[in-house]
Protein backbone atom coordinates (compact mmCIF):
# COMPACT_ATOMS: atom_id res chain seq x y z
CA MET A 1 76.82 89.17 85.81
CA GLN A 2 74.97 89.80 89.03
CA ASN A 3 76.41 92.41 91.34
CA ASN A 4 75.69 90.72 94.67
CA ARG A 5 76.31 93.30 97.36
CA ALA A 6 75.30 91.09 100.22
CA ARG A 7 74.05 91.99 103.66
CA LEU A 8 74.31 90.16 106.95
CA SER A 9 71.49 90.38 109.45
CA SER A 10 72.36 91.89 112.81
CA ASN A 11 71.69 88.61 114.65
CA GLU A 12 74.20 86.88 112.36
CA ILE A 13 77.00 89.34 113.13
CA GLY A 14 77.05 89.68 116.89
CA MET A 15 79.17 86.64 117.70
CA SER A 16 81.54 86.18 120.60
CA GLN A 17 84.95 87.74 120.23
CA SER A 18 86.50 84.43 121.25
CA VAL A 19 85.95 83.05 117.75
CA PHE A 20 89.42 84.36 116.81
CA LYS A 21 91.24 83.11 119.91
CA ASP A 22 94.22 81.02 118.74
CA LYS A 23 93.04 81.10 115.11
CA THR A 24 95.84 81.44 112.56
CA VAL A 25 95.29 84.26 110.09
CA LEU A 26 97.64 84.70 107.11
CA ILE A 27 97.48 88.19 105.61
CA THR A 28 99.27 89.09 102.39
CA GLY A 29 100.40 92.71 102.29
CA GLY A 30 99.92 92.76 106.05
CA SER A 31 102.68 95.20 107.00
CA ARG A 32 100.65 98.38 106.50
CA GLY A 33 97.31 99.88 105.48
CA ILE A 34 94.21 97.72 105.30
CA GLY A 35 96.05 94.44 105.83
CA LYS A 36 97.73 95.67 108.98
CA SER A 37 94.50 97.18 110.31
CA ILE A 38 92.69 93.85 109.90
CA GLY A 39 95.59 92.07 111.58
CA LEU A 40 95.49 94.41 114.58
CA LYS A 41 91.73 93.96 114.91
CA LEU A 42 91.96 90.17 114.99
CA ALA A 43 95.13 90.15 117.11
CA SER A 44 93.29 92.15 119.77
CA GLU A 45 91.04 89.10 120.15
CA GLY A 46 93.87 86.62 120.49
CA ALA A 47 94.46 85.62 116.87
CA ARG A 48 97.82 84.42 115.60
CA ILE A 49 98.75 86.65 112.67
CA VAL A 50 101.14 85.72 109.87
CA ILE A 51 102.28 89.02 108.34
CA ALA A 52 103.34 88.08 104.81
CA ALA A 53 104.68 91.05 102.87
CA LYS A 54 107.76 92.31 101.03
CA THR A 55 108.91 95.17 103.26
CA THR A 56 111.69 94.05 105.59
CA GLU A 57 113.63 97.33 105.69
CA PRO A 58 112.29 100.86 106.38
CA HIS A 59 111.20 102.70 103.24
CA PRO A 60 111.23 106.50 102.88
CA LYS A 61 107.70 106.62 101.42
CA LEU A 62 106.08 103.56 102.99
CA GLU A 63 105.09 103.07 106.60
CA GLY A 64 106.53 100.20 108.62
CA THR A 65 107.91 96.73 107.95
CA ILE A 66 106.74 93.19 108.62
CA TYR A 67 108.69 93.34 111.89
CA THR A 68 107.21 96.59 113.19
CA ALA A 69 103.73 95.33 112.26
CA ALA A 70 104.42 92.11 114.18
CA GLU A 71 105.43 94.10 117.27
CA GLU A 72 102.18 96.09 117.12
CA MET A 73 100.06 92.96 116.77
CA GLU A 74 101.70 91.29 119.74
CA LYS A 75 101.16 94.45 121.80
CA ALA A 76 97.51 94.31 120.71
CA GLY A 77 97.17 90.88 122.33
CA GLY A 78 97.89 88.36 119.60
CA LYS A 79 100.84 86.35 118.41
CA ALA A 80 102.66 87.36 115.23
CA LEU A 81 104.94 85.74 112.69
CA PRO A 82 106.56 88.15 110.20
CA LEU A 83 107.55 86.46 106.94
CA ARG A 84 108.89 88.04 103.77
CA LEU A 85 106.61 87.24 100.83
CA ASP A 86 106.64 88.04 97.13
CA VAL A 87 103.31 86.65 95.92
CA ARG A 88 104.71 86.42 92.38
CA ASP A 89 107.05 83.64 93.49
CA GLU A 90 105.33 80.27 94.06
CA GLU A 91 108.36 78.83 95.85
CA ASN A 92 108.23 81.77 98.28
CA ILE A 93 104.49 81.20 98.74
CA GLU A 94 105.07 77.54 99.59
CA GLU A 95 107.84 78.50 102.02
CA VAL A 96 105.66 81.04 103.81
CA VAL A 97 102.74 78.63 104.16
CA ARG A 98 105.04 75.86 105.38
CA LYS A 99 106.61 78.14 108.02
CA ALA A 100 103.18 79.35 109.15
CA VAL A 101 101.96 75.78 109.60
CA ASP A 102 105.16 74.74 111.37
CA GLU A 103 104.87 77.69 113.78
CA PHE A 104 101.14 77.66 114.50
CA GLY A 105 99.98 74.17 113.50
CA GLY A 106 97.68 75.13 110.66
CA ILE A 107 95.87 77.95 108.84
CA ASP A 108 92.30 79.00 109.59
CA ILE A 109 91.92 82.24 107.63
CA LEU A 110 93.60 83.59 104.50
CA ILE A 111 93.24 87.27 103.63
CA ASN A 112 94.35 88.09 100.08
CA ASN A 113 95.10 91.76 100.50
CA ALA A 114 98.32 92.27 98.49
CA SER A 115 97.65 94.32 95.39
CA ALA A 116 99.34 96.42 92.70
CA ILE A 117 97.68 99.42 91.08
CA SER A 118 98.10 101.61 88.01
CA LEU A 119 95.13 103.73 86.96
CA THR A 120 96.30 104.10 83.37
CA SER A 121 94.67 103.82 79.96
CA THR A 122 95.52 100.97 77.62
CA THR A 123 98.17 102.91 75.71
CA ASP A 124 99.68 104.34 78.90
CA THR A 125 100.02 100.99 80.64
CA ALA A 126 103.56 99.71 80.25
CA PRO A 127 103.95 95.94 79.73
CA LYS A 128 105.89 95.60 82.99
CA ARG A 129 103.13 97.35 84.91
CA PHE A 130 100.47 95.16 83.28
CA ASP A 131 102.42 92.06 84.22
CA LEU A 132 102.97 93.26 87.80
CA MET A 133 99.26 93.87 88.42
CA HIS A 134 98.25 90.50 87.04
CA GLN A 135 101.05 88.63 88.78
CA VAL A 136 100.27 90.20 92.17
CA ASN A 137 96.50 90.60 92.04
CA VAL A 138 95.25 87.60 90.07
CA ARG A 139 98.05 85.06 90.06
CA GLY A 140 99.13 85.90 93.61
CA THR A 141 95.60 85.49 94.96
CA PHE A 142 95.08 82.25 93.05
CA MET A 143 98.41 80.68 94.02
CA MET A 144 98.22 81.81 97.64
CA SER A 145 94.74 80.31 97.94
CA ARG A 146 95.80 77.15 96.13
CA THR A 147 98.66 76.59 98.58
CA CYS A 148 96.57 77.31 101.69
CA ILE A 149 93.48 75.29 100.72
CA PRO A 150 94.75 71.88 101.93
CA HIS A 151 95.35 73.43 105.38
CA LEU A 152 92.09 75.41 105.38
CA LYS A 153 90.16 72.20 104.75
CA LYS A 154 91.40 70.93 108.13
CA SER A 155 90.09 73.97 110.00
CA GLU A 156 86.70 74.21 111.69
CA HIS A 157 86.55 77.93 110.91
CA ALA A 158 88.02 78.24 107.42
CA HIS A 159 87.72 81.51 105.51
CA ILE A 160 89.32 83.09 102.45
CA LEU A 161 88.66 86.82 102.17
CA ASN A 162 89.77 88.71 99.06
CA LEU A 163 90.01 92.50 99.06
CA ALA A 164 88.26 92.74 95.71
CA PRO A 165 85.34 94.70 94.20
CA PRO A 166 81.89 93.39 93.27
CA LEU A 167 81.74 92.22 89.67
CA ASN A 168 79.98 94.55 87.26
CA MET A 169 80.45 93.89 83.56
CA GLN A 170 79.84 97.42 82.26
CA ALA A 171 82.27 99.40 80.14
CA LYS A 172 82.41 102.33 82.58
CA TRP A 173 84.19 100.17 85.18
CA PHE A 174 86.86 99.12 82.65
CA ALA A 175 87.40 102.03 80.28
CA PRO A 176 89.39 104.42 82.54
CA HIS A 177 91.89 101.77 83.74
CA LEU A 178 91.38 98.52 81.84
CA ALA A 179 94.47 96.65 83.02
CA TYR A 180 93.80 97.40 86.69
CA SER A 181 90.12 96.51 86.43
CA MET A 182 90.98 93.19 84.79
CA ALA A 183 93.46 92.41 87.56
CA LYS A 184 91.10 93.28 90.44
CA TYR A 185 88.13 91.54 88.83
CA GLY A 186 90.37 88.49 88.50
CA MET A 187 90.49 88.44 92.31
CA SER A 188 86.71 88.75 92.34
CA MET A 189 86.32 85.83 89.95
CA CYS A 190 88.41 83.73 92.32
CA VAL A 191 85.64 84.32 94.88
CA LEU A 192 82.98 83.03 92.50
CA GLY A 193 84.91 79.96 91.48
CA MET A 194 86.49 78.97 94.78
CA SER A 195 83.34 79.54 96.83
CA GLY A 196 81.53 76.99 94.68
CA GLU A 197 84.49 74.63 94.57
CA LEU A 198 85.11 74.68 98.34
CA LYS A 199 81.56 74.87 99.68
CA GLN A 200 81.40 71.12 100.27
CA ASP A 201 84.64 71.41 102.26
CA ASN A 202 83.15 74.10 104.54
CA VAL A 203 85.65 76.73 103.42
CA ALA A 204 84.03 80.15 103.00
CA VAL A 205 85.29 82.42 100.22
CA ASN A 206 84.10 86.04 100.14
CA ALA A 207 85.11 89.49 98.90
CA LEU A 208 85.20 92.81 100.73
CA TRP A 209 85.51 96.27 99.20
CA PRO A 210 85.32 99.81 100.63
CA ALA A 211 82.50 102.17 99.77
CA THR A 212 84.91 105.11 99.79
CA LEU A 213 88.59 105.80 99.31
CA ILE A 214 90.70 104.48 102.19
CA ASP A 215 93.70 106.33 103.57
CA THR A 216 96.51 104.06 102.36
CA ASP A 217 99.93 104.60 100.83
CA ALA A 218 98.39 103.98 97.40
CA VAL A 219 96.01 106.90 97.88
CA ARG A 220 98.69 109.19 99.30
CA ASN A 221 101.42 108.30 96.78
CA LEU A 222 99.45 107.57 93.61
CA LEU A 223 96.05 109.23 93.80
CA GLY A 224 96.71 112.76 94.99
CA GLY A 225 98.57 112.94 98.27
CA SER A 226 97.20 114.45 101.47
CA LYS A 227 94.28 116.13 99.68
CA MET A 228 92.85 112.76 98.61
CA ALA A 229 93.70 111.27 102.00
CA GLU A 230 91.48 113.88 103.65
CA ALA A 231 88.60 112.71 101.44
CA SER A 232 89.16 109.13 102.63
CA ARG A 233 88.18 106.93 105.54
CA LYS A 234 90.57 105.14 107.88
CA PRO A 235 91.52 101.49 107.23
CA SER A 236 89.74 100.59 110.48
CA ILE A 237 86.37 100.65 108.69
CA VAL A 238 87.51 97.81 106.44
CA ALA A 239 88.95 95.97 109.45
CA ASP A 240 85.63 96.20 111.29
CA ALA A 241 83.78 94.90 108.22
CA ALA A 242 86.29 92.05 107.79
CA HIS A 243 85.80 91.16 111.45
CA ALA A 244 82.04 90.89 110.89
CA ILE A 245 82.46 88.55 107.92
CA LEU A 246 85.16 86.37 109.46
CA SER A 247 83.17 86.00 112.69
CA LYS A 248 80.57 83.99 110.81
CA SER A 249 80.58 80.24 110.52
CA PRO A 250 81.87 79.31 107.04
CA ALA A 251 78.71 77.40 106.13
CA SER A 252 76.53 80.48 106.65
CA VAL A 253 78.30 82.97 104.38
CA THR A 254 80.23 82.25 101.19
CA GLY A 255 80.40 83.53 97.63
CA GLN A 256 79.37 87.04 98.68
CA PHE A 257 80.64 90.50 97.70
CA PHE A 258 80.43 92.80 100.69
CA ILE A 259 80.75 96.60 100.82
CA ASP A 260 82.14 97.80 104.16
CA GLU A 261 79.63 100.57 104.86
CA GLN A 262 76.60 98.52 103.83
CA LEU A 263 77.70 95.64 106.00
CA LEU A 264 78.37 97.79 109.05
CA ARG A 265 74.97 99.44 108.70
CA THR A 266 73.39 95.99 109.10
CA GLU A 267 75.39 95.74 112.34
CA GLY A 268 73.76 98.91 113.60
CA VAL A 269 76.42 101.48 112.75
CA THR A 270 74.76 104.74 111.73
CA ASP A 271 77.47 107.31 112.47
CA PHE A 272 80.61 106.87 110.36
CA THR A 273 82.29 110.09 111.52
CA SER A 274 84.89 108.25 113.58
CA TYR A 275 86.14 106.52 110.42
CA ALA A 276 86.74 109.79 108.56
CA VAL A 277 90.28 111.09 108.17
CA ASN A 278 88.78 114.58 108.18
CA PRO A 279 85.18 114.67 109.49
CA ASP A 280 84.64 118.00 107.70
CA VAL A 281 85.31 116.47 104.26
CA GLU A 282 82.81 114.20 102.52
CA PRO A 283 84.49 110.85 101.76
CA GLN A 284 84.95 110.19 98.06
CA ARG A 285 83.25 107.13 96.62
CA ASP A 286 85.52 104.33 95.51
CA LEU A 287 86.26 104.17 91.80
CA PHE A 288 84.56 100.74 91.40
CA LEU A 289 81.29 101.96 92.93
């Protein structure tokens, strides 16, 4: 299957910041990391952010809650609605979407960011962990999109953005962590299918993935702690790339698999030092690239 790592021309990216003013953006897993960074970026331009995530109480190993994230987004200049969400529960999904629409009048952008990870071999992947990854990554993305689509169809600036890797059907991308690859590629396949299905409704569906490791709780807690974090980039690089994609009119960009660094280079970024956690350490390439 074609690995379409798309590019946007510089004249396509430089749109007015006002495109996000009073737009409603629902972000799953929006209380920390990449989801929160994207929310802060769009909130700074007047967006209304629905922070849909599980963390309502402080956690000893995880930063922030949906409420602290909401406070930060309102300070950044947007409006925020923190809602507890377990994407495995379709009734909870329907409740969150209903509350978002009741509060803000509709949904313009859905960002499927919530994800579960386990970089284990087939024999080392416990059934419960397999089920969790597929329930959160694939089923959660599908059901969240399914529930938001009727509202997105009413928007003049409708986007779905999945944090998912470009599809590449080679054994080397599956062999080290088959269950996880299947779950993330399931999110990528949603981009292929939904972009074709929703094109006539002017709903854009795209994927975004980082070129390098990103400093998130998953990297710090599961992939090697502070040492791996120092070989990572900040979540702000993904937020800037998401901003570039979501600024576009839906009719002009859909069904694409973007890589953050490649996309930002088309926008004229040549120095990525500011995105580095430690500028003296070369960022490590992402495991899907």
